[in-house]
C-alpha atoms as a PDB file:
ATOM      1  CA  UNK A   1     -10.991  80.753  -8.179  1.00  0.00           C
ATOM      2  CA  UNK A   2     -12.676  84.099  -8.601  1.00  0.00           C
ATOM      3  CA  UNK A   3     -11.748  86.763 -11.135  1.00  0.00           C
ATOM      4  CA  UNK A   4     -12.434  90.316  -9.999  1.00  0.00           C
ATOM      5  CA  UNK A   5     -12.205  93.075 -12.618  1.00  0.00           C
ATOM      6  CA  UNK A   6     -11.775  95.623  -9.797  1.00  0.00           C
ATOM      7  CA  UNK A   7      -8.162  94.417  -9.445  1.00  0.00           C
ATOM      8  CA  UNK A   8      -7.279  95.454 -12.990  1.00  0.00           C
ATOM      9  CA  UNK A   9      -5.321  98.743 -12.942  1.00  0.00           C
ATOM     10  CA  UNK A  10      -5.985  99.000  -9.221  1.00  0.00           C
ATOM     11  CA  UNK A  11      -3.646 100.474  -6.635  1.00  0.00           C
ATOM     12  CA  UNK A  12      -3.018  99.253  -3.107  1.00  0.00           C
ATOM     13  CA  UNK A  13      -6.269 100.748  -1.771  1.00  0.00           C
ATOM     14  CA  UNK A  14      -8.248  99.077  -4.555  1.00  0.00           C
ATOM     15  CA  UNK A  15      -6.676  95.689  -3.859  1.00  0.00           C
ATOM     16  CA  UNK A  16      -7.423  96.038  -0.148  1.00  0.00           C
ATOM     17  CA  UNK A  17     -11.047  96.936  -0.956  1.00  0.00           C
ATOM     18  CA  UNK A  18     -11.384  93.757  -3.034  1.00  0.00           C
ATOM     19  CA  UNK A  19      -9.730  91.657  -0.310  1.00  0.00           C
ATOM     20  CA  UNK A  20     -12.067  93.110   2.333  1.00  0.00           C
ATOM     21  CA  UNK A  21     -15.038  91.601   0.443  1.00  0.00           C
ATOM     22  CA  UNK A  22     -13.678  88.046   0.751  1.00  0.00           C
ATOM     23  CA  UNK A  23     -15.588  85.815   3.156  1.00  0.00           C
ATOM     24  CA  UNK A  24     -15.099  82.330   4.593  1.00  0.00           C
ATOM     25  CA  UNK A  25     -11.477  82.004   3.402  1.00  0.00           C
ATOM     26  CA  UNK A  26      -8.499  81.695   5.751  1.00  0.00           C
ATOM     27  CA  UNK A  27      -5.786  81.661   3.057  1.00  0.00           C
ATOM     28  CA  UNK A  28      -5.973  83.909   0.039  1.00  0.00           C
ATOM     29  CA  UNK A  29      -3.865  84.243  -3.104  1.00  0.00           C
ATOM     30  CA  UNK A  30      -4.185  87.512  -4.986  1.00  0.00           C
ATOM     31  CA  UNK A  31      -2.536  87.772  -8.401  1.00  0.00           C
ATOM     32  CA  UNK A  32      -1.646  90.942 -10.275  1.00  0.00           C
ATOM     33  CA  UNK A  33       1.076  93.104 -11.744  1.00  0.00           C
ATOM     34  CA  UNK A  34       3.715  95.616 -10.805  1.00  0.00           C
ATOM     35  CA  UNK A  35       4.016  98.239  -9.520  1.00  0.00           C
ATOM     36  CA  UNK A  36       0.970  97.532  -7.333  1.00  0.00           C
ATOM     37  CA  UNK A  37       2.221  94.224  -5.918  1.00  0.00           C
ATOM     38  CA  UNK A  38       5.556  95.537  -4.707  1.00  0.00           C
ATOM     39  CA  UNK A  39       3.725  98.481  -3.150  1.00  0.00           C
ATOM     40  CA  UNK A  40       1.203  96.111  -1.563  1.00  0.00           C
ATOM     41  CA  UNK A  41       3.926  93.985   0.038  1.00  0.00           C
ATOM     42  CA  UNK A  42       5.591  97.159   1.351  1.00  0.00           C
ATOM     43  CA  UNK A  43       2.258  98.460   2.645  1.00  0.00           C
ATOM     44  CA  UNK A  44       1.389  95.211   4.422  1.00  0.00           C
ATOM     45  CA  UNK A  45       4.815  94.401   5.871  1.00  0.00           C
ATOM     46  CA  UNK A  46       7.004  97.500   5.760  1.00  0.00           C
ATOM     47  CA  UNK A  47       9.540  95.448   3.790  1.00  0.00           C
ATOM     48  CA  UNK A  48      10.715  96.311   0.278  1.00  0.00           C
ATOM     49  CA  UNK A  49      10.753  93.061  -1.698  1.00  0.00           C
ATOM     50  CA  UNK A  50      11.926  92.566  -5.258  1.00  0.00           C
ATOM     51  CA  UNK A  51       8.779  91.534  -7.128  1.00  0.00           C
ATOM     52  CA  UNK A  52       9.635  90.447 -10.662  1.00  0.00           C
ATOM     53  CA  UNK A  53       7.446  88.627 -13.185  1.00  0.00           C
ATOM     54  CA  UNK A  54       5.963  85.449 -11.672  1.00  0.00           C
ATOM     55  CA  UNK A  55       7.261  86.215  -8.158  1.00  0.00           C
ATOM     56  CA  UNK A  56       5.288  84.875  -5.203  1.00  0.00           C
ATOM     57  CA  UNK A  57       5.353  86.824  -1.934  1.00  0.00           C
ATOM     58  CA  UNK A  58       3.976  85.089   1.156  1.00  0.00           C
ATOM     59  CA  UNK A  59       2.604  87.474   3.778  1.00  0.00           C
ATOM     60  CA  UNK A  60       1.261  86.430   7.180  1.00  0.00           C
ATOM     61  CA  UNK A  61      -1.363  88.729   8.686  1.00  0.00           C
ATOM     62  CA  UNK A  62      -2.655  88.671  12.302  1.00  0.00           C
ATOM     63  CA  UNK A  63      -6.339  88.880  11.364  1.00  0.00           C
ATOM     64  CA  UNK A  64      -9.531  86.872  11.816  1.00  0.00           C
ATOM     65  CA  UNK A  65     -11.230  88.250   8.698  1.00  0.00           C
ATOM     66  CA  UNK A  66     -10.138  90.190   5.613  1.00  0.00           C
ATOM     67  CA  UNK A  67     -11.768  93.462   6.665  1.00  0.00           C
ATOM     68  CA  UNK A  68      -9.072  93.715   9.368  1.00  0.00           C
ATOM     69  CA  UNK A  69      -6.099  94.062   7.005  1.00  0.00           C
ATOM     70  CA  UNK A  70      -4.043  96.993   8.292  1.00  0.00           C
ATOM     71  CA  UNK A  71      -0.901  98.350   6.705  1.00  0.00           C
ATOM     72  CA  UNK A  72       2.331  97.408   8.431  1.00  0.00           C
ATOM     73  CA  UNK A  73       0.758  94.616  10.471  1.00  0.00           C
ATOM     74  CA  UNK A  74       1.974  91.668   8.390  1.00  0.00           C
ATOM     75  CA  UNK A  75       5.172  89.659   8.196  1.00  0.00           C
ATOM     76  CA  UNK A  76       6.906  88.851   4.910  1.00  0.00           C
ATOM     77  CA  UNK A  77       7.339  85.092   5.299  1.00  0.00           C
ATOM     78  CA  UNK A  78       8.962  84.305   1.938  1.00  0.00           C
ATOM     79  CA  UNK A  79       9.626  85.582  -1.563  1.00  0.00           C
ATOM     80  CA  UNK A  80       9.841  82.969  -4.310  1.00  0.00           C
ATOM     81  CA  UNK A  81      11.302  83.984  -7.673  1.00  0.00           C
ATOM     82  CA  UNK A  82      10.858  81.829 -10.783  1.00  0.00           C
ATOM     83  CA  UNK A  83      13.847  79.879 -12.053  1.00  0.00           C
END
């Protein structure tokens, strides 16, 4: 686990900048707050997902490293809401 203060109060571009610095990881979980996370899912997939407190959105991206994340290129695989 790594905490990155650059995610705090960051928008979609800020989150993508943090993600682009990640190395040697094939699966990544990024945790944050609304409204950025709903906007991020929309940016990555083109799908509007309901992102409430403690929601997990699973996005699949066709990339070989995190610098290649491009808006609209991902697939929204699942959205899990807390019970």
